[in-house]
Amino acid sequence: MLVIPFRAVEARPVQAEAQLWYTVSAQGGIGEHFLYYLEAQPRFSKDDGRAILRSAGGVRLFQDMSLWLGQGWIPLWVWDGDPALRQGESRLYQQYLYTPKLGSVRGTLRARFEQRFLSGTTEVSLRARVMLRGAQPVAAEGRLSLILWDEVFYHLNSVEGGPSAGFDTNRVFLGVGWKYADHSSVEVGYLNAFIRRPSSEADQLIHALSVSMPFNYL
């Protein structure tokens, strides 16, 4: 008889906090086959703040499928008198993007592989993340949409003084989008982010108001 050992895992405490995430992005084409993407995403909480800045270039494989190479920079600030700049993070990433239309639903599959250069270590942290998204037009001749997406993050290696291999983060968003111009829209909703923090005493749960303003010239 095969006996599989089982070790009970004690539930870790979870620290919850409220945040505001604001994203402005732009993407478009360069000629027939090449693409660009730019993004700025400041995030604010009661005691902390950060901004994620991304840029990427892509190549179109088909009308709804593309490959990307990008970079990101994440400087960090804390509210201690005047905001003081702390050393942050830089990263490279490669991405597969598929944007099919399933009936009236506009779908998105995004698979991203990141190489993260973190402060406090000379090792490179490797992380994979996959997002599934659906946008269903509900009113105003398709300008108003209901949006739902989920994204899972997974560390592929362990870094001394940094992340450990395994599950990292899960983000879920539920909100609405309004297309107010041919290439411009705004998306507002609730974002729930659960983050595993094995190096801390508690994991993190973020309840965020997410506001996004994408400019799409594709």
C-alpha atoms as a PDB file:
ATOM      1  CA  MET A   1       0.000   0.000   0.000  1.00  0.00           C
ATOM      2  CA  LEU A   2       1.314   3.425  -0.920  1.00  0.00           C
ATOM      3  CA  VAL A   3       1.394   5.854   1.971  1.00  0.00           C
ATOM      4  CA  ILE A   4       1.661   9.543   1.145  1.00  0.00           C
ATOM      5  CA  PRO A   5       2.987  11.655   4.024  1.00  0.00           C
ATOM      6  CA  PHE A   6       0.908  14.700   4.863  1.00  0.00           C
ATOM      7  CA  ARG A   7       2.019  17.689   6.879  1.00  0.00           C
ATOM      8  CA  ALA A   8      -0.594  20.089   8.143  1.00  0.00           C
ATOM      9  CA  VAL A   9       0.081  23.675   7.191  1.00  0.00           C
ATOM     10  CA  GLU A  10      -0.864  26.247   9.784  1.00  0.00           C
ATOM     11  CA  ALA A  11      -2.916  29.091   8.407  1.00  0.00           C
ATOM     12  CA  ARG A  12      -0.963  32.330   8.414  1.00  0.00           C
ATOM     13  CA  PRO A  13      -2.423  35.628   9.641  1.00  0.00           C
ATOM     14  CA  VAL A  14      -3.418  38.113   6.957  1.00  0.00           C
ATOM     15  CA  GLN A  15      -2.905  41.863   7.153  1.00  0.00           C
ATOM     16  CA  ALA A  16      -5.505  43.814   5.159  1.00  0.00           C
ATOM     17  CA  GLU A  17      -5.219  47.370   3.907  1.00  0.00           C
ATOM     18  CA  ALA A  18      -6.972  49.744   1.507  1.00  0.00           C
ATOM     19  CA  GLN A  19      -5.174  51.249  -1.468  1.00  0.00           C
ATOM     20  CA  LEU A  20      -5.762  53.326  -4.593  1.00  0.00           C
ATOM     21  CA  TRP A  21      -4.295  52.116  -7.892  1.00  0.00           C
ATOM     22  CA  TYR A  22      -4.311  54.451 -10.875  1.00  0.00           C
ATOM     23  CA  THR A  23      -3.068  53.370 -14.293  1.00  0.00           C
ATOM     24  CA  VAL A  24      -2.617  55.335 -17.498  1.00  0.00           C
ATOM     25  CA  SER A  25      -1.373  53.457 -20.552  1.00  0.00           C
ATOM     26  CA  ALA A  26      -0.994  53.851 -24.300  1.00  0.00           C
ATOM     27  CA  GLN A  27      -0.452  51.283 -27.011  1.00  0.00           C
ATOM     28  CA  GLY A  28      -0.354  51.447 -30.771  1.00  0.00           C
ATOM     29  CA  GLY A  29       1.266  50.279 -33.957  1.00  0.00           C
ATOM     30  CA  ILE A  30       4.527  51.192 -35.663  1.00  0.00           C
ATOM     31  CA  GLY A  31       4.059  50.282 -39.286  1.00  0.00           C
ATOM     32  CA  GLU A  32       2.196  47.086 -40.098  1.00  0.00           C
ATOM     33  CA  HIS A  33       3.899  44.567 -37.818  1.00  0.00           C
ATOM     34  CA  PHE A  34       5.435  46.377 -34.826  1.00  0.00           C
ATOM     35  CA  LEU A  35       3.790  47.616 -31.637  1.00  0.00           C
ATOM     36  CA  TYR A  36       4.570  49.830 -28.638  1.00  0.00           C
ATOM     37  CA  TYR A  37       3.266  50.026 -25.086  1.00  0.00           C
ATOM     38  CA  LEU A  38       3.779  52.653 -22.336  1.00  0.00           C
ATOM     39  CA  GLU A  39       2.390  52.572 -18.799  1.00  0.00           C
ATOM     40  CA  ALA A  40       2.547  54.505 -15.530  1.00  0.00           C
ATOM     41  CA  GLN A  41       0.829  53.090 -12.439  1.00  0.00           C
ATOM     42  CA  PRO A  42       1.075  54.949  -9.128  1.00  0.00           C
ATOM     43  CA  ARG A  43      -0.296  53.131  -6.086  1.00  0.00           C
ATOM     44  CA  PHE A  44      -1.171  54.769  -2.791  1.00  0.00           C
ATOM     45  CA  SER A  45      -1.960  53.518   0.697  1.00  0.00           C
ATOM     46  CA  LYS A  46      -2.218  55.288   4.044  1.00  0.00           C
ATOM     47  CA  ASP A  47       1.501  55.026   4.818  1.00  0.00           C
ATOM     48  CA  ASP A  48       3.187  54.081   1.573  1.00  0.00           C
ATOM     49  CA  GLY A  49       3.334  54.830  -2.124  1.00  0.00           C
ATOM     50  CA  ARG A  50       4.968  53.471  -5.215  1.00  0.00           C
ATOM     51  CA  ALA A  51       4.895  53.884  -8.973  1.00  0.00           C
ATOM     52  CA  ILE A  52       5.399  51.233 -11.644  1.00  0.00           C
ATOM     53  CA  LEU A  53       6.715  52.503 -14.984  1.00  0.00           C
ATOM     54  CA  ARG A  54       6.708  50.131 -17.959  1.00  0.00           C
ATOM     55  CA  SER A  55       7.575  50.258 -21.636  1.00  0.00           C
ATOM     56  CA  ALA A  56       7.571  47.493 -24.238  1.00  0.00           C
ATOM     57  CA  GLY A  57       7.930  46.788 -27.929  1.00  0.00           C
ATOM     58  CA  GLY A  58       6.011  44.043 -29.682  1.00  0.00           C
ATOM     59  CA  VAL A  59       5.634  42.221 -32.945  1.00  0.00           C
ATOM     60  CA  ARG A  60       2.243  41.231 -34.310  1.00  0.00           C
ATOM     61  CA  LEU A  61       1.946  37.543 -35.229  1.00  0.00           C
ATOM     62  CA  PHE A  62      -1.717  37.726 -36.229  1.00  0.00           C
ATOM     63  CA  GLN A  63      -4.425  40.358 -35.867  1.00  0.00           C
ATOM     64  CA  ASP A  64      -5.198  39.232 -32.293  1.00  0.00           C
ATOM     65  CA  MET A  65      -1.851  37.691 -31.251  1.00  0.00           C
ATOM     66  CA  SER A  66       1.504  39.310 -30.434  1.00  0.00           C
ATOM     67  CA  LEU A  67       4.857  38.833 -28.683  1.00  0.00           C
ATOM     68  CA  TRP A  68       6.466  41.521 -26.516  1.00  0.00           C
ATOM     69  CA  LEU A  69       9.762  42.469 -24.877  1.00  0.00           C
ATOM     70  CA  GLY A  70       9.620  45.073 -22.128  1.00  0.00           C
ATOM     71  CA  GLN A  71      11.174  46.621 -19.048  1.00  0.00           C
ATOM     72  CA  GLY A  72       9.856  48.045 -15.812  1.00  0.00           C
ATOM     73  CA  TRP A  73      11.121  50.320 -13.073  1.00  0.00           C
ATOM     74  CA  ILE A  74       9.591  50.491  -9.598  1.00  0.00           C
ATOM     75  CA  PRO A  75      10.950  53.301  -7.390  1.00  0.00           C
ATOM     76  CA  LEU A  76       9.494  53.339  -3.861  1.00  0.00           C
ATOM     77  CA  TRP A  77       8.493  56.153  -1.549  1.00  0.00           C
ATOM     78  CA  VAL A  78       7.352  56.307   2.089  1.00  0.00           C
ATOM     79  CA  TRP A  79       5.429  59.149   3.724  1.00  0.00           C
ATOM     80  CA  ASP A  80       7.854  60.230   6.454  1.00  0.00           C
ATOM     81  CA  GLY A  81       7.790  64.013   6.386  1.00  0.00           C
ATOM     82  CA  ASP A  82       8.816  64.792   2.834  1.00  0.00           C
ATOM     83  CA  PRO A  83       8.628  61.592   0.730  1.00  0.00           C
ATOM     84  CA  ALA A  84      12.068  59.975   0.719  1.00  0.00           C
ATOM     85  CA  LEU A  85      13.210  57.966  -2.286  1.00  0.00           C
ATOM     86  CA  ARG A  86      14.180  54.402  -1.472  1.00  0.00           C
ATOM     87  CA  GLN A  87      15.956  51.978  -3.751  1.00  0.00           C
ATOM     88  CA  GLY A  88      13.371  50.086  -5.738  1.00  0.00           C
ATOM     89  CA  GLU A  89      13.250  47.385  -8.377  1.00  0.00           C
ATOM     90  CA  SER A  90      13.956  47.048 -12.081  1.00  0.00           C
ATOM     91  CA  ARG A  91      12.864  44.161 -14.269  1.00  0.00           C
ATOM     92  CA  LEU A  92      12.800  42.763 -17.771  1.00  0.00           C
ATOM     93  CA  TYR A  93       9.885  40.779 -19.160  1.00  0.00           C
ATOM     94  CA  GLN A  94       8.744  38.781 -22.159  1.00  0.00           C
ATOM     95  CA  GLN A  95       5.061  38.499 -22.945  1.00  0.00           C
ATOM     96  CA  TYR A  96       2.552  36.602 -25.069  1.00  0.00           C
ATOM     97  CA  LEU A  97      -0.729  38.419 -25.708  1.00  0.00           C
ATOM     98  CA  TYR A  98      -3.875  36.928 -27.255  1.00  0.00           C
ATOM     99  CA  THR A  99      -7.024  39.060 -27.580  1.00  0.00           C
ATOM    100  CA  PRO A 100      -9.814  36.960 -29.144  1.00  0.00           C
ATOM    101  CA  LYS A 101     -13.449  37.956 -29.460  1.00  0.00           C
ATOM    102  CA  LEU A 102     -15.769  35.220 -28.186  1.00  0.00           C
ATOM    103  CA  GLY A 103     -19.213  36.212 -29.383  1.00  0.00           C
ATOM    104  CA  SER A 104     -19.805  39.609 -27.819  1.00  0.00           C
ATOM    105  CA  VAL A 105     -17.124  39.105 -25.141  1.00  0.00           C
ATOM    106  CA  ARG A 106     -13.730  40.718 -25.726  1.00  0.00           C
ATOM    107  CA  GLY A 107     -11.239  38.303 -24.196  1.00  0.00           C
ATOM    108  CA  THR A 108      -7.584  38.633 -23.203  1.00  0.00           C
ATOM    109  CA  LEU A 109      -4.963  36.007 -22.368  1.00  0.00           C
ATOM    110  CA  ARG A 110      -1.659  37.475 -21.198  1.00  0.00           C
ATOM    111  CA  ALA A 111       1.310  35.295 -20.194  1.00  0.00           C
ATOM    112  CA  ARG A 112       4.356  37.150 -18.881  1.00  0.00           C
ATOM    113  CA  PHE A 113       7.820  35.953 -17.776  1.00  0.00           C
ATOM    114  CA  GLU A 114       9.730  38.418 -15.568  1.00  0.00           C
ATOM    115  CA  GLN A 115      13.363  38.741 -14.525  1.00  0.00           C
ATOM    116  CA  ARG A 116      13.372  40.901 -11.397  1.00  0.00           C
ATOM    117  CA  PHE A 117      16.462  42.766 -10.156  1.00  0.00           C
ATOM    118  CA  LEU A 118      15.719  43.424  -6.495  1.00  0.00           C
ATOM    119  CA  SER A 119      17.515  45.527  -3.915  1.00  0.00           C
ATOM    120  CA  GLY A 120      19.464  43.620  -1.288  1.00  0.00           C
ATOM    121  CA  THR A 121      20.525  40.720  -3.523  1.00  0.00           C
ATOM    122  CA  THR A 122      22.641  40.083  -6.610  1.00  0.00           C
ATOM    123  CA  GLU A 123      20.507  37.108  -7.698  1.00  0.00           C
ATOM    124  CA  VAL A 124      17.769  37.436 -10.317  1.00  0.00           C
ATOM    125  CA  SER A 125      14.260  36.502  -9.231  1.00  0.00           C
ATOM    126  CA  LEU A 126      12.226  34.731 -11.920  1.00  0.00           C
ATOM    127  CA  ARG A 127       8.452  35.065 -11.904  1.00  0.00           C
ATOM    128  CA  ALA A 128       5.675  33.879 -14.216  1.00  0.00           C
ATOM    129  CA  ARG A 129       2.239  35.483 -14.341  1.00  0.00           C
ATOM    130  CA  VAL A 130      -0.901  34.669 -16.326  1.00  0.00           C
ATOM    131  CA  MET A 131      -3.997  36.837 -16.696  1.00  0.00           C
ATOM    132  CA  LEU A 132      -7.431  35.960 -18.089  1.00  0.00           C
ATOM    133  CA  ARG A 133      -9.814  38.839 -18.789  1.00  0.00           C
ATOM    134  CA  GLY A 134     -13.269  39.269 -20.247  1.00  0.00           C
ATOM    135  CA  ALA A 135     -15.156  42.448 -21.164  1.00  0.00           C
ATOM    136  CA  GLN A 136     -18.877  42.153 -21.926  1.00  0.00           C
ATOM    137  CA  PRO A 137     -20.640  45.176 -23.517  1.00  0.00           C
ATOM    138  CA  VAL A 138     -23.897  45.821 -21.662  1.00  0.00           C
ATOM    139  CA  ALA A 139     -25.281  49.208 -22.778  1.00  0.00           C
ATOM    140  CA  ALA A 140     -24.818  52.434 -24.745  1.00  0.00           C
ATOM    141  CA  GLU A 141     -24.155  50.673 -28.058  1.00  0.00           C
ATOM    142  CA  GLY A 142     -21.183  48.819 -26.625  1.00  0.00           C
ATOM    143  CA  ARG A 143     -19.528  51.791 -24.926  1.00  0.00           C
ATOM    144  CA  LEU A 144     -20.370  50.522 -21.417  1.00  0.00           C
ATOM    145  CA  SER A 145     -18.855  47.138 -20.505  1.00  0.00           C
ATOM    146  CA  LEU A 146     -18.713  44.839 -17.508  1.00  0.00           C
ATOM    147  CA  ILE A 147     -15.094  43.738 -16.910  1.00  0.00           C
ATOM    148  CA  LEU A 148     -13.767  40.767 -14.951  1.00  0.00           C
ATOM    149  CA  TRP A 149     -10.181  39.531 -14.801  1.00  0.00           C
ATOM    150  CA  ASP A 150      -7.952  37.324 -12.693  1.00  0.00           C
ATOM    151  CA  GLU A 151      -4.140  37.155 -12.633  1.00  0.00           C
ATOM    152  CA  VAL A 152      -1.916  34.587 -10.884  1.00  0.00           C
ATOM    153  CA  PHE A 153       1.786  35.174 -10.055  1.00  0.00           C
ATOM    154  CA  TYR A 154       4.241  32.322  -9.353  1.00  0.00           C
ATOM    155  CA  HIS A 155       7.927  32.498  -8.341  1.00  0.00           C
ATOM    156  CA  LEU A 156      10.048  30.016 -10.297  1.00  0.00           C
ATOM    157  CA  ASN A 157      13.133  30.181  -8.063  1.00  0.00           C
ATOM    158  CA  SER A 158      14.186  31.099  -4.555  1.00  0.00           C
ATOM    159  CA  VAL A 159      16.454  34.089  -3.955  1.00  0.00           C
ATOM    160  CA  GLU A 160      18.470  34.545  -0.774  1.00  0.00           C
ATOM    161  CA  GLY A 161      17.229  37.702   0.859  1.00  0.00           C
ATOM    162  CA  GLY A 162      14.301  37.804  -1.601  1.00  0.00           C
ATOM    163  CA  PRO A 163      11.241  35.818  -2.741  1.00  0.00           C
ATOM    164  CA  SER A 164      10.991  32.042  -2.338  1.00  0.00           C
ATOM    165  CA  ALA A 165       9.788  29.670  -5.033  1.00  0.00           C
ATOM    166  CA  GLY A 166       6.054  29.017  -5.201  1.00  0.00           C
ATOM    167  CA  PHE A 167       2.792  30.898  -5.316  1.00  0.00           C
ATOM    168  CA  ASP A 168       3.189  34.666  -4.981  1.00  0.00           C
ATOM    169  CA  THR A 169       0.029  36.666  -5.734  1.00  0.00           C
ATOM    170  CA  ASN A 170      -3.522  36.431  -6.977  1.00  0.00           C
ATOM    171  CA  ARG A 171      -5.384  39.508  -8.223  1.00  0.00           C
ATOM    172  CA  VAL A 172      -9.080  39.689  -9.084  1.00  0.00           C
ATOM    173  CA  PHE A 173     -10.786  42.734 -10.605  1.00  0.00           C
ATOM    174  CA  LEU A 174     -14.497  43.425 -11.108  1.00  0.00           C
ATOM    175  CA  GLY A 175     -15.647  46.734 -12.559  1.00  0.00           C
ATOM    176  CA  VAL A 176     -17.017  48.641 -15.494  1.00  0.00           C
ATOM    177  CA  GLY A 177     -15.462  50.295 -18.519  1.00  0.00           C
ATOM    178  CA  TRP A 178     -16.683  53.322 -20.455  1.00  0.00           C
ATOM    179  CA  LYS A 179     -15.396  54.078 -23.953  1.00  0.00           C
ATOM    180  CA  TYR A 180     -15.696  57.842 -24.234  1.00  0.00           C
ATOM    181  CA  ALA A 181     -13.780  58.293 -27.510  1.00  0.00           C
ATOM    182  CA  ASP A 182     -12.574  56.178 -30.420  1.00  0.00           C
ATOM    183  CA  HIS A 183      -9.217  55.419 -28.778  1.00  0.00           C
ATOM    184  CA  SER A 184      -9.879  56.300 -25.124  1.00  0.00           C
ATOM    185  CA  SER A 185     -11.701  54.663 -22.231  1.00  0.00           C
ATOM    186  CA  VAL A 186     -11.816  54.549 -18.440  1.00  0.00           C
ATOM    187  CA  GLU A 187     -12.175  51.486 -16.220  1.00  0.00           C
ATOM    188  CA  VAL A 188     -13.202  51.698 -12.556  1.00  0.00           C
ATOM    189  CA  GLY A 189     -13.764  48.893 -10.099  1.00  0.00           C
ATOM    190  CA  TYR A 190     -12.722  46.822  -7.098  1.00  0.00           C
ATOM    191  CA  LEU A 191      -9.383  44.998  -7.111  1.00  0.00           C
ATOM    192  CA  ASN A 192      -8.587  42.288  -4.563  1.00  0.00           C
ATOM    193  CA  ALA A 193      -4.926  41.245  -4.273  1.00  0.00           C
ATOM    194  CA  PHE A 194      -3.714  38.443  -1.993  1.00  0.00           C
ATOM    195  CA  ILE A 195       0.088  38.375  -1.600  1.00  0.00           C
ATOM    196  CA  ARG A 196       2.106  35.633   0.071  1.00  0.00           C
ATOM    197  CA  ARG A 197       4.765  37.089   2.401  1.00  0.00           C
ATOM    198  CA  PRO A 198       6.793  34.124   3.769  1.00  0.00           C
ATOM    199  CA  SER A 199       9.508  36.450   5.093  1.00  0.00           C
ATOM    200  CA  SER A 200       6.974  38.458   7.122  1.00  0.00           C
ATOM    201  CA  GLU A 201       4.749  37.547  10.041  1.00  0.00           C
ATOM    202  CA  ALA A 202       1.578  37.903   7.963  1.00  0.00           C
ATOM    203  CA  ASP A 203       0.460  37.655   4.364  1.00  0.00           C
ATOM    204  CA  GLN A 204      -1.048  40.734   2.717  1.00  0.00           C
ATOM    205  CA  LEU A 205      -4.572  41.348   1.450  1.00  0.00           C
ATOM    206  CA  ILE A 206      -5.170  44.544  -0.545  1.00  0.00           C
ATOM    207  CA  HIS A 207      -8.613  46.044  -1.129  1.00  0.00           C
ATOM    208  CA  ALA A 208      -8.013  48.586  -3.879  1.00  0.00           C
ATOM    209  CA  LEU A 209     -10.046  51.084  -5.820  1.00  0.00           C
ATOM    210  CA  SER A 210      -8.621  50.620  -9.314  1.00  0.00           C
ATOM    211  CA  VAL A 211      -8.913  53.380 -11.915  1.00  0.00           C
ATOM    212  CA  SER A 212      -7.418  52.814 -15.380  1.00  0.00           C
ATOM    213  CA  MET A 213      -7.268  55.066 -18.429  1.00  0.00           C
ATOM    214  CA  PRO A 214      -6.056  53.059 -21.453  1.00  0.00           C
ATOM    215  CA  PHE A 215      -5.430  54.786 -24.785  1.00  0.00           C
ATOM    216  CA  ASN A 216      -5.591  52.171 -27.539  1.00  0.00           C
ATOM    217  CA  TYR A 217      -4.495  53.122 -31.056  1.00  0.00           C
ATOM    218  CA  LEU A 218      -4.386  49.596 -32.452  1.00  0.00           C
END
